[in-house]
Amino acid sequence: MEKIFKALVIFLALCMIAPIVVIFVISFGGDGYLRFPPRSLSFQWYQQLFGDRLWLRAFATSAIIATISCIITTTAGFMAAYVFSRRQFPGKEWLLAIVLLPMIVPNVIIAIALYFLSARAGLVGNIVWLALCHAMLAIPIVVIILLTTMRGLDHRLEWAAYSVGAGTWSTLRMIVIPLALPGIISSILFSFLASFDELIVSLFLVGVGTQTLPVRIWTSLLLNLEPIIAAVSVVLILLTIAILSLDTVVKRFSR
């Protein structure tokens, strides 16, 4: 039975990895269209990708929005997680449920609501507003990570700091933040990735000059299936692997 279970796990893992391998191979194809297996190998799609102004602008826009979003999300999520883990107040469970609500509500419903709000306020296409909307979607991830981190910290260290006259902000700066740094870094990485890959909300809120990378990919797939999509997909896969690997290194180093 154990051998059958292992074989099933290996089979499922191969099924998940196979599409990624296919994309990698296709991205190096020398044909003028998507073909697997390719008849020749070439770097032409990567050359076109890094030489195309529209694709580079989409990369830059997504990176800027994701950076602003992860700063907002991590700051707000850290404060929320600290309060939820250290304070008792009426309605705490209800407030935590509201904070985690974006994880439960379908993104398309949130996107429609945000679109009508943004259209009335004239904020469609605004990068900072789009980053705030992405932050709202990523806040549950950050709160869950940091709540787990906060609950694993030794409260006695904070009490010791208070006992010698340290204030709340001094204790946060000198005790809590250094101890929670691995969780904070993980929150930054995952919130950046969540914003960088967000499509549904971006489809409703981007403008002509603020097209993000997922929206650019969606448009290319919908209107014209360009082979360059394979190269873009490989770059995104490598970015995701790099972020997850960095998170693993940070956790091992913290231990």
C-alpha atoms as a PDB file:
ATOM      1  CA  MET A   1       0.000   0.000   0.000  1.00  0.00           C
ATOM      2  CA  GLU A   2       2.846   2.349   0.856  1.00  0.00           C
ATOM      3  CA  LYS A   3       4.504   1.712  -2.518  1.00  0.00           C
ATOM      4  CA  ILE A   4       1.231   2.441  -4.324  1.00  0.00           C
ATOM      5  CA  PHE A   5       0.873   5.701  -2.384  1.00  0.00           C
ATOM      6  CA  LYS A   6       4.442   6.765  -3.235  1.00  0.00           C
ATOM      7  CA  ALA A   7       3.905   5.902  -6.896  1.00  0.00           C
ATOM      8  CA  LEU A   8       0.698   7.960  -6.917  1.00  0.00           C
ATOM      9  CA  VAL A   9       2.477  10.935  -5.346  1.00  0.00           C
ATOM     10  CA  ILE A  10       5.306  10.710  -7.893  1.00  0.00           C
ATOM     11  CA  PHE A  11       2.788  10.463 -10.743  1.00  0.00           C
ATOM     12  CA  LEU A  12       0.868  13.526  -9.544  1.00  0.00           C
ATOM     13  CA  ALA A  13       4.120  15.455  -9.092  1.00  0.00           C
ATOM     14  CA  LEU A  14       5.167  14.614 -12.659  1.00  0.00           C
ATOM     15  CA  CYS A  15       1.756  15.709 -13.945  1.00  0.00           C
ATOM     16  CA  MET A  16       2.242  19.065 -12.243  1.00  0.00           C
ATOM     17  CA  ILE A  17       5.812  19.515 -13.479  1.00  0.00           C
ATOM     18  CA  ALA A  18       5.176  18.342 -17.065  1.00  0.00           C
ATOM     19  CA  PRO A  19       3.425  21.568 -18.269  1.00  0.00           C
ATOM     20  CA  ILE A  20       6.288  23.652 -16.861  1.00  0.00           C
ATOM     21  CA  VAL A  21       8.827  21.532 -18.730  1.00  0.00           C
ATOM     22  CA  VAL A  22       6.800  21.908 -21.943  1.00  0.00           C
ATOM     23  CA  ILE A  23       6.738  25.707 -21.539  1.00  0.00           C
ATOM     24  CA  PHE A  24      10.496  25.772 -20.972  1.00  0.00           C
ATOM     25  CA  VAL A  25      11.119  23.747 -24.144  1.00  0.00           C
ATOM     26  CA  ILE A  26       8.681  25.792 -26.258  1.00  0.00           C
ATOM     27  CA  SER A  27      10.270  29.068 -25.132  1.00  0.00           C
ATOM     28  CA  PHE A  28      13.506  28.047 -26.860  1.00  0.00           C
ATOM     29  CA  GLY A  29      11.757  27.078 -30.094  1.00  0.00           C
ATOM     30  CA  GLY A  30      13.005  28.488 -33.364  1.00  0.00           C
ATOM     31  CA  ASP A  31       9.647  28.199 -35.146  1.00  0.00           C
ATOM     32  CA  GLY A  32       7.447  31.195 -35.850  1.00  0.00           C
ATOM     33  CA  TYR A  33       4.618  29.784 -33.753  1.00  0.00           C
ATOM     34  CA  LEU A  34       4.091  27.685 -30.629  1.00  0.00           C
ATOM     35  CA  ARG A  35       5.118  24.109 -31.367  1.00  0.00           C
ATOM     36  CA  PHE A  36       6.071  21.149 -29.193  1.00  0.00           C
ATOM     37  CA  PRO A  37       8.543  19.704 -29.675  1.00  0.00           C
ATOM     38  CA  PRO A  38      10.225  22.565 -31.584  1.00  0.00           C
ATOM     39  CA  ARG A  39      12.024  21.717 -34.814  1.00  0.00           C
ATOM     40  CA  SER A  40      14.934  24.016 -33.902  1.00  0.00           C
ATOM     41  CA  LEU A  41      16.289  25.846 -30.875  1.00  0.00           C
ATOM     42  CA  SER A  42      16.739  29.594 -30.581  1.00  0.00           C
ATOM     43  CA  PHE A  43      16.797  32.501 -28.105  1.00  0.00           C
ATOM     44  CA  GLN A  44      14.726  34.667 -30.443  1.00  0.00           C
ATOM     45  CA  TRP A  45      11.698  34.954 -28.130  1.00  0.00           C
ATOM     46  CA  TYR A  46      13.840  36.063 -25.197  1.00  0.00           C
ATOM     47  CA  GLN A  47      15.556  38.608 -27.438  1.00  0.00           C
ATOM     48  CA  GLN A  48      12.179  39.933 -28.546  1.00  0.00           C
ATOM     49  CA  LEU A  49      10.908  39.988 -24.969  1.00  0.00           C
ATOM     50  CA  PHE A  50      13.781  42.052 -23.590  1.00  0.00           C
ATOM     51  CA  GLY A  51      13.756  44.279 -26.661  1.00  0.00           C
ATOM     52  CA  ASP A  52      10.021  44.982 -26.676  1.00  0.00           C
ATOM     53  CA  ARG A  53       9.110  48.299 -25.042  1.00  0.00           C
ATOM     54  CA  LEU A  54       5.520  47.269 -24.245  1.00  0.00           C
ATOM     55  CA  TRP A  55       6.519  44.076 -22.458  1.00  0.00           C
ATOM     56  CA  LEU A  56       9.270  45.836 -20.498  1.00  0.00           C
ATOM     57  CA  ARG A  57       6.836  48.588 -19.485  1.00  0.00           C
ATOM     58  CA  ALA A  58       4.371  45.932 -18.279  1.00  0.00           C
ATOM     59  CA  PHE A  59       7.154  44.296 -16.234  1.00  0.00           C
ATOM     60  CA  ALA A  60       8.126  47.652 -14.717  1.00  0.00           C
ATOM     61  CA  THR A  61       4.512  48.597 -13.938  1.00  0.00           C
ATOM     62  CA  SER A  62       3.864  45.283 -12.201  1.00  0.00           C
ATOM     63  CA  ALA A  63       7.112  45.594 -10.230  1.00  0.00           C
ATOM     64  CA  ILE A  64       6.303  49.146  -9.079  1.00  0.00           C
ATOM     65  CA  ILE A  65       2.741  48.253  -8.081  1.00  0.00           C
ATOM     66  CA  ALA A  66       3.877  45.065  -6.303  1.00  0.00           C
ATOM     67  CA  THR A  67       6.597  46.971  -4.409  1.00  0.00           C
ATOM     68  CA  ILE A  68       4.177  49.638  -3.168  1.00  0.00           C
ATOM     69  CA  SER A  69       1.605  46.974  -2.357  1.00  0.00           C
ATOM     70  CA  CYS A  70       3.977  44.770  -0.335  1.00  0.00           C
ATOM     71  CA  ILE A  71       5.193  47.765   1.700  1.00  0.00           C
ATOM     72  CA  ILE A  72       1.615  48.758   2.551  1.00  0.00           C
ATOM     73  CA  THR A  73       0.513  45.187   3.193  1.00  0.00           C
ATOM     74  CA  THR A  74       3.451  44.226   5.383  1.00  0.00           C
ATOM     75  CA  THR A  75       3.253  47.409   7.475  1.00  0.00           C
ATOM     76  CA  ALA A  76      -0.503  47.163   8.027  1.00  0.00           C
ATOM     77  CA  GLY A  77      -0.387  43.375   8.434  1.00  0.00           C
ATOM     78  CA  PHE A  78       2.382  43.572  11.044  1.00  0.00           C
ATOM     79  CA  MET A  79       0.441  46.075  13.140  1.00  0.00           C
ATOM     80  CA  ALA A  80      -2.757  44.037  12.812  1.00  0.00           C
ATOM     81  CA  ALA A  81      -1.033  40.774  13.703  1.00  0.00           C
ATOM     82  CA  TYR A  82       0.645  42.376  16.717  1.00  0.00           C
ATOM     83  CA  VAL A  83      -2.675  43.721  18.029  1.00  0.00           C
ATOM     84  CA  PHE A  84      -4.530  40.450  17.382  1.00  0.00           C
ATOM     85  CA  SER A  85      -1.839  38.394  19.112  1.00  0.00           C
ATOM     86  CA  ARG A  86      -1.179  40.692  22.090  1.00  0.00           C
ATOM     87  CA  ARG A  87      -4.452  42.463  22.878  1.00  0.00           C
ATOM     88  CA  GLN A  88      -7.912  41.392  23.994  1.00  0.00           C
ATOM     89  CA  PHE A  89     -10.865  43.590  23.020  1.00  0.00           C
ATOM     90  CA  PRO A  90     -14.575  43.174  22.197  1.00  0.00           C
ATOM     91  CA  GLY A  91     -15.277  41.995  18.661  1.00  0.00           C
ATOM     92  CA  LYS A  92     -11.735  40.743  18.095  1.00  0.00           C
ATOM     93  CA  GLU A  93     -12.865  37.561  16.305  1.00  0.00           C
ATOM     94  CA  TRP A  94     -15.264  39.514  14.068  1.00  0.00           C
ATOM     95  CA  LEU A  95     -12.584  42.035  13.146  1.00  0.00           C
ATOM     96  CA  LEU A  96     -10.128  39.254  12.300  1.00  0.00           C
ATOM     97  CA  ALA A  97     -12.799  37.613  10.132  1.00  0.00           C
ATOM     98  CA  ILE A  98     -13.297  40.913   8.258  1.00  0.00           C
ATOM     99  CA  VAL A  99      -9.529  41.222   7.701  1.00  0.00           C
ATOM    100  CA  LEU A 100      -9.431  37.684   6.269  1.00  0.00           C
ATOM    101  CA  LEU A 101     -12.568  38.214   4.157  1.00  0.00           C
ATOM    102  CA  PRO A 102     -10.712  38.923   0.851  1.00  0.00           C
ATOM    103  CA  MET A 103      -9.411  35.351   1.011  1.00  0.00           C
ATOM    104  CA  ILE A 104     -12.974  34.013   0.987  1.00  0.00           C
ATOM    105  CA  VAL A 105     -14.851  36.379  -1.332  1.00  0.00           C
ATOM    106  CA  PRO A 106     -14.258  35.632  -5.052  1.00  0.00           C
ATOM    107  CA  ASN A 107     -11.871  38.100  -6.653  1.00  0.00           C
ATOM    108  CA  VAL A 108     -14.302  38.916  -9.458  1.00  0.00           C
ATOM    109  CA  ILE A 109     -16.863  40.226  -6.946  1.00  0.00           C
ATOM    110  CA  ILE A 110     -14.206  42.372  -5.264  1.00  0.00           C
ATOM    111  CA  ALA A 111     -13.020  43.572  -8.679  1.00  0.00           C
ATOM    112  CA  ILE A 112     -16.515  44.678  -9.754  1.00  0.00           C
ATOM    113  CA  ALA A 113     -17.063  46.541  -6.483  1.00  0.00           C
ATOM    114  CA  LEU A 114     -13.667  48.225  -6.717  1.00  0.00           C
ATOM    115  CA  TYR A 115     -14.298  49.178 -10.335  1.00  0.00           C
ATOM    116  CA  PHE A 116     -17.513  51.078  -9.557  1.00  0.00           C
ATOM    117  CA  LEU A 117     -15.823  52.786  -6.607  1.00  0.00           C
ATOM    118  CA  SER A 118     -12.752  53.661  -8.697  1.00  0.00           C
ATOM    119  CA  ALA A 119     -14.797  54.919 -11.647  1.00  0.00           C
ATOM    120  CA  ARG A 120     -16.781  57.302  -9.441  1.00  0.00           C
ATOM    121  CA  ALA A 121     -13.611  58.582  -7.768  1.00  0.00           C
ATOM    122  CA  GLY A 122     -11.689  58.846 -11.060  1.00  0.00           C
ATOM    123  CA  LEU A 123      -9.001  56.422  -9.867  1.00  0.00           C
ATOM    124  CA  VAL A 124      -9.056  53.897 -12.723  1.00  0.00           C
ATOM    125  CA  GLY A 125      -5.491  53.580 -13.980  1.00  0.00           C
ATOM    126  CA  ASN A 126      -3.929  55.158 -10.883  1.00  0.00           C
ATOM    127  CA  ILE A 127      -0.874  53.108  -9.860  1.00  0.00           C
ATOM    128  CA  VAL A 128      -1.033  53.952  -6.151  1.00  0.00           C
ATOM    129  CA  TRP A 129      -4.736  53.113  -5.978  1.00  0.00           C
ATOM    130  CA  LEU A 130      -4.129  49.836  -7.813  1.00  0.00           C
ATOM    131  CA  ALA A 131      -1.373  49.020  -5.311  1.00  0.00           C
ATOM    132  CA  LEU A 132      -3.790  49.719  -2.448  1.00  0.00           C
ATOM    133  CA  CYS A 133      -6.349  47.360  -4.015  1.00  0.00           C
ATOM    134  CA  HIS A 134      -3.704  44.670  -4.419  1.00  0.00           C
ATOM    135  CA  ALA A 135      -2.693  45.231  -0.791  1.00  0.00           C
ATOM    136  CA  MET A 136      -6.263  44.623   0.302  1.00  0.00           C
ATOM    137  CA  LEU A 137      -6.216  41.244  -1.461  1.00  0.00           C
ATOM    138  CA  ALA A 138      -2.838  40.268   0.002  1.00  0.00           C
ATOM    139  CA  ILE A 139      -3.483  41.385   3.595  1.00  0.00           C
ATOM    140  CA  PRO A 140      -4.972  38.002   4.691  1.00  0.00           C
ATOM    141  CA  ILE A 141      -1.785  36.196   3.626  1.00  0.00           C
ATOM    142  CA  VAL A 142       0.405  38.614   5.566  1.00  0.00           C
ATOM    143  CA  VAL A 143      -1.785  38.543   8.671  1.00  0.00           C
ATOM    144  CA  ILE A 144      -1.814  34.731   8.757  1.00  0.00           C
ATOM    145  CA  ILE A 145       1.992  34.527   8.362  1.00  0.00           C
ATOM    146  CA  LEU A 146       2.674  37.188  10.993  1.00  0.00           C
ATOM    147  CA  LEU A 147       0.048  35.890  13.426  1.00  0.00           C
ATOM    148  CA  THR A 148       1.826  32.536  13.373  1.00  0.00           C
ATOM    149  CA  THR A 149       5.157  34.315  13.840  1.00  0.00           C
ATOM    150  CA  MET A 150       3.907  36.484  16.716  1.00  0.00           C
ATOM    151  CA  ARG A 151       2.398  33.545  18.579  1.00  0.00           C
ATOM    152  CA  GLY A 152       5.741  31.767  18.381  1.00  0.00           C
ATOM    153  CA  LEU A 153       7.653  34.610  20.059  1.00  0.00           C
ATOM    154  CA  ASP A 154       8.502  34.529  23.766  1.00  0.00           C
ATOM    155  CA  HIS A 155       6.262  37.114  25.453  1.00  0.00           C
ATOM    156  CA  ARG A 156       8.601  37.251  28.448  1.00  0.00           C
ATOM    157  CA  LEU A 157      11.155  39.176  26.408  1.00  0.00           C
ATOM    158  CA  GLU A 158       8.607  41.934  25.796  1.00  0.00           C
ATOM    159  CA  TRP A 159       7.571  41.944  29.457  1.00  0.00           C
ATOM    160  CA  ALA A 160      11.243  42.250  30.417  1.00  0.00           C
ATOM    161  CA  ALA A 161      11.591  45.270  28.131  1.00  0.00           C
ATOM    162  CA  TYR A 162       8.497  46.889  29.639  1.00  0.00           C
ATOM    163  CA  SER A 163       9.788  46.182  33.149  1.00  0.00           C
ATOM    164  CA  VAL A 164      12.944  48.253  32.566  1.00  0.00           C
ATOM    165  CA  GLY A 165      10.987  51.223  31.231  1.00  0.00           C
ATOM    166  CA  ALA A 166      10.850  50.612  27.479  1.00  0.00           C
ATOM    167  CA  GLY A 167       7.788  51.997  25.705  1.00  0.00           C
ATOM    168  CA  THR A 168       5.640  50.220  23.146  1.00  0.00           C
ATOM    169  CA  TRP A 169       7.506  51.578  20.110  1.00  0.00           C
ATOM    170  CA  SER A 170      10.930  50.892  21.657  1.00  0.00           C
ATOM    171  CA  THR A 171       9.870  47.322  22.430  1.00  0.00           C
ATOM    172  CA  LEU A 172       8.593  46.852  18.892  1.00  0.00           C
ATOM    173  CA  ARG A 173      11.775  48.261  17.373  1.00  0.00           C
ATOM    174  CA  MET A 174      14.300  46.513  19.608  1.00  0.00           C
ATOM    175  CA  ILE A 175      12.569  43.237  20.549  1.00  0.00           C
ATOM    176  CA  VAL A 176       9.549  42.290  18.428  1.00  0.00           C
ATOM    177  CA  ILE A 177      10.690  43.315  14.938  1.00  0.00           C
ATOM    178  CA  PRO A 178      14.154  41.650  15.143  1.00  0.00           C
ATOM    179  CA  LEU A 179      12.608  38.424  16.446  1.00  0.00           C
ATOM    180  CA  ALA A 180       9.799  38.485  13.876  1.00  0.00           C
ATOM    181  CA  LEU A 181      12.109  39.434  10.981  1.00  0.00           C
ATOM    182  CA  PRO A 182      11.939  36.028   9.200  1.00  0.00           C
ATOM    183  CA  GLY A 183       8.130  36.224   9.191  1.00  0.00           C
ATOM    184  CA  ILE A 184       8.243  39.841   8.025  1.00  0.00           C
ATOM    185  CA  ILE A 185      10.550  38.923   5.136  1.00  0.00           C
ATOM    186  CA  SER A 186       8.248  36.038   4.176  1.00  0.00           C
ATOM    187  CA  SER A 187       5.298  38.438   4.254  1.00  0.00           C
ATOM    188  CA  ILE A 188       7.121  40.871   1.979  1.00  0.00           C
ATOM    189  CA  LEU A 189       7.994  38.129  -0.517  1.00  0.00           C
ATOM    190  CA  PHE A 190       4.546  36.521  -0.637  1.00  0.00           C
ATOM    191  CA  SER A 191       2.663  39.838  -0.781  1.00  0.00           C
ATOM    192  CA  PHE A 192       4.956  40.977  -3.621  1.00  0.00           C
ATOM    193  CA  LEU A 193       4.257  37.758  -5.504  1.00  0.00           C
ATOM    194  CA  ALA A 194       0.498  37.997  -4.866  1.00  0.00           C
ATOM    195  CA  SER A 195       0.400  41.530  -6.267  1.00  0.00           C
ATOM    196  CA  PHE A 196       2.718  40.785  -9.199  1.00  0.00           C
ATOM    197  CA  ASP A 197       0.519  37.863 -10.327  1.00  0.00           C
ATOM    198  CA  GLU A 198      -2.877  39.511  -9.713  1.00  0.00           C
ATOM    199  CA  LEU A 199      -5.050  39.515 -12.851  1.00  0.00           C
ATOM    200  CA  ILE A 200      -8.777  39.836 -12.055  1.00  0.00           C
ATOM    201  CA  VAL A 201      -8.672  43.137 -10.150  1.00  0.00           C
ATOM    202  CA  SER A 202      -6.063  44.534 -12.528  1.00  0.00           C
ATOM    203  CA  LEU A 203      -8.288  43.804 -15.540  1.00  0.00           C
ATOM    204  CA  PHE A 204     -10.959  46.097 -14.076  1.00  0.00           C
ATOM    205  CA  LEU A 205      -8.692  48.867 -12.768  1.00  0.00           C
ATOM    206  CA  VAL A 206      -5.764  49.323 -15.162  1.00  0.00           C
ATOM    207  CA  GLY A 207      -5.674  52.122 -17.690  1.00  0.00           C
ATOM    208  CA  VAL A 208      -4.059  52.330 -21.110  1.00  0.00           C
ATOM    209  CA  GLY A 209      -0.732  53.483 -19.685  1.00  0.00           C
ATOM    210  CA  THR A 210      -0.736  51.262 -16.583  1.00  0.00           C
ATOM    211  CA  GLN A 211      -1.065  47.805 -18.099  1.00  0.00           C
ATOM    212  CA  THR A 212       0.405  45.211 -15.744  1.00  0.00           C
ATOM    213  CA  LEU A 213       2.200  42.077 -16.879  1.00  0.00           C
ATOM    214  CA  PRO A 214      -0.691  39.642 -16.170  1.00  0.00           C
ATOM    215  CA  VAL A 215      -3.055  41.948 -18.099  1.00  0.00           C
ATOM    216  CA  ARG A 216      -0.553  42.172 -20.964  1.00  0.00           C
ATOM    217  CA  ILE A 217      -0.349  38.363 -21.039  1.00  0.00           C
ATOM    218  CA  TRP A 218      -4.150  38.073 -20.966  1.00  0.00           C
ATOM    219  CA  THR A 219      -4.492  40.556 -23.839  1.00  0.00           C
ATOM    220  CA  SER A 220      -1.872  38.734 -25.887  1.00  0.00           C
ATOM    221  CA  LEU A 221      -3.561  35.373 -25.347  1.00  0.00           C
ATOM    222  CA  LEU A 222      -6.985  36.789 -26.149  1.00  0.00           C
ATOM    223  CA  LEU A 223      -6.159  38.787 -29.269  1.00  0.00           C
ATOM    224  CA  ASN A 224      -2.993  37.268 -30.706  1.00  0.00           C
ATOM    225  CA  LEU A 225      -1.298  34.124 -29.409  1.00  0.00           C
ATOM    226  CA  GLU A 226       2.313  35.279 -29.621  1.00  0.00           C
ATOM    227  CA  PRO A 227       5.129  32.729 -29.133  1.00  0.00           C
ATOM    228  CA  ILE A 228       6.798  35.307 -26.887  1.00  0.00           C
ATOM    229  CA  ILE A 229       4.234  34.274 -24.253  1.00  0.00           C
ATOM    230  CA  ALA A 230       6.301  31.136 -23.596  1.00  0.00           C
ATOM    231  CA  ALA A 231       9.383  33.242 -22.781  1.00  0.00           C
ATOM    232  CA  VAL A 232       7.318  35.499 -20.488  1.00  0.00           C
ATOM    233  CA  SER A 233       5.944  32.424 -18.702  1.00  0.00           C
ATOM    234  CA  VAL A 234       9.451  31.080 -18.113  1.00  0.00           C
ATOM    235  CA  VAL A 235      10.552  34.409 -16.629  1.00  0.00           C
ATOM    236  CA  LEU A 236       7.543  34.370 -14.268  1.00  0.00           C
ATOM    237  CA  ILE A 237       8.250  30.762 -13.264  1.00  0.00           C
ATOM    238  CA  LEU A 238      11.887  31.632 -12.506  1.00  0.00           C
ATOM    239  CA  LEU A 239      10.794  34.689 -10.520  1.00  0.00           C
ATOM    240  CA  THR A 240       8.427  32.553  -8.443  1.00  0.00           C
ATOM    241  CA  ILE A 241      11.107  29.923  -7.846  1.00  0.00           C
ATOM    242  CA  ALA A 242      13.583  32.632  -6.819  1.00  0.00           C
ATOM    243  CA  ILE A 243      11.154  34.163  -4.307  1.00  0.00           C
ATOM    244  CA  LEU A 244      10.211  30.792  -2.799  1.00  0.00           C
ATOM    245  CA  SER A 245      13.890  29.787  -2.605  1.00  0.00           C
ATOM    246  CA  LEU A 246      14.753  33.063  -0.877  1.00  0.00           C
ATOM    247  CA  ASP A 247      11.971  32.478   1.640  1.00  0.00           C
ATOM    248  CA  THR A 248      13.329  28.986   2.340  1.00  0.00           C
ATOM    249  CA  VAL A 249      16.858  30.332   2.838  1.00  0.00           C
ATOM    250  CA  VAL A 250      15.590  33.014   5.231  1.00  0.00           C
ATOM    251  CA  LYS A 251      13.687  30.432   7.309  1.00  0.00           C
ATOM    252  CA  ARG A 252      16.695  28.095   7.502  1.00  0.00           C
ATOM    253  CA  PHE A 253      18.996  30.963   8.436  1.00  0.00           C
ATOM    254  CA  SER A 254      16.593  32.127  11.152  1.00  0.00           C
ATOM    255  CA  ARG A 255      16.602  28.681  12.739  1.00  0.00           C
END
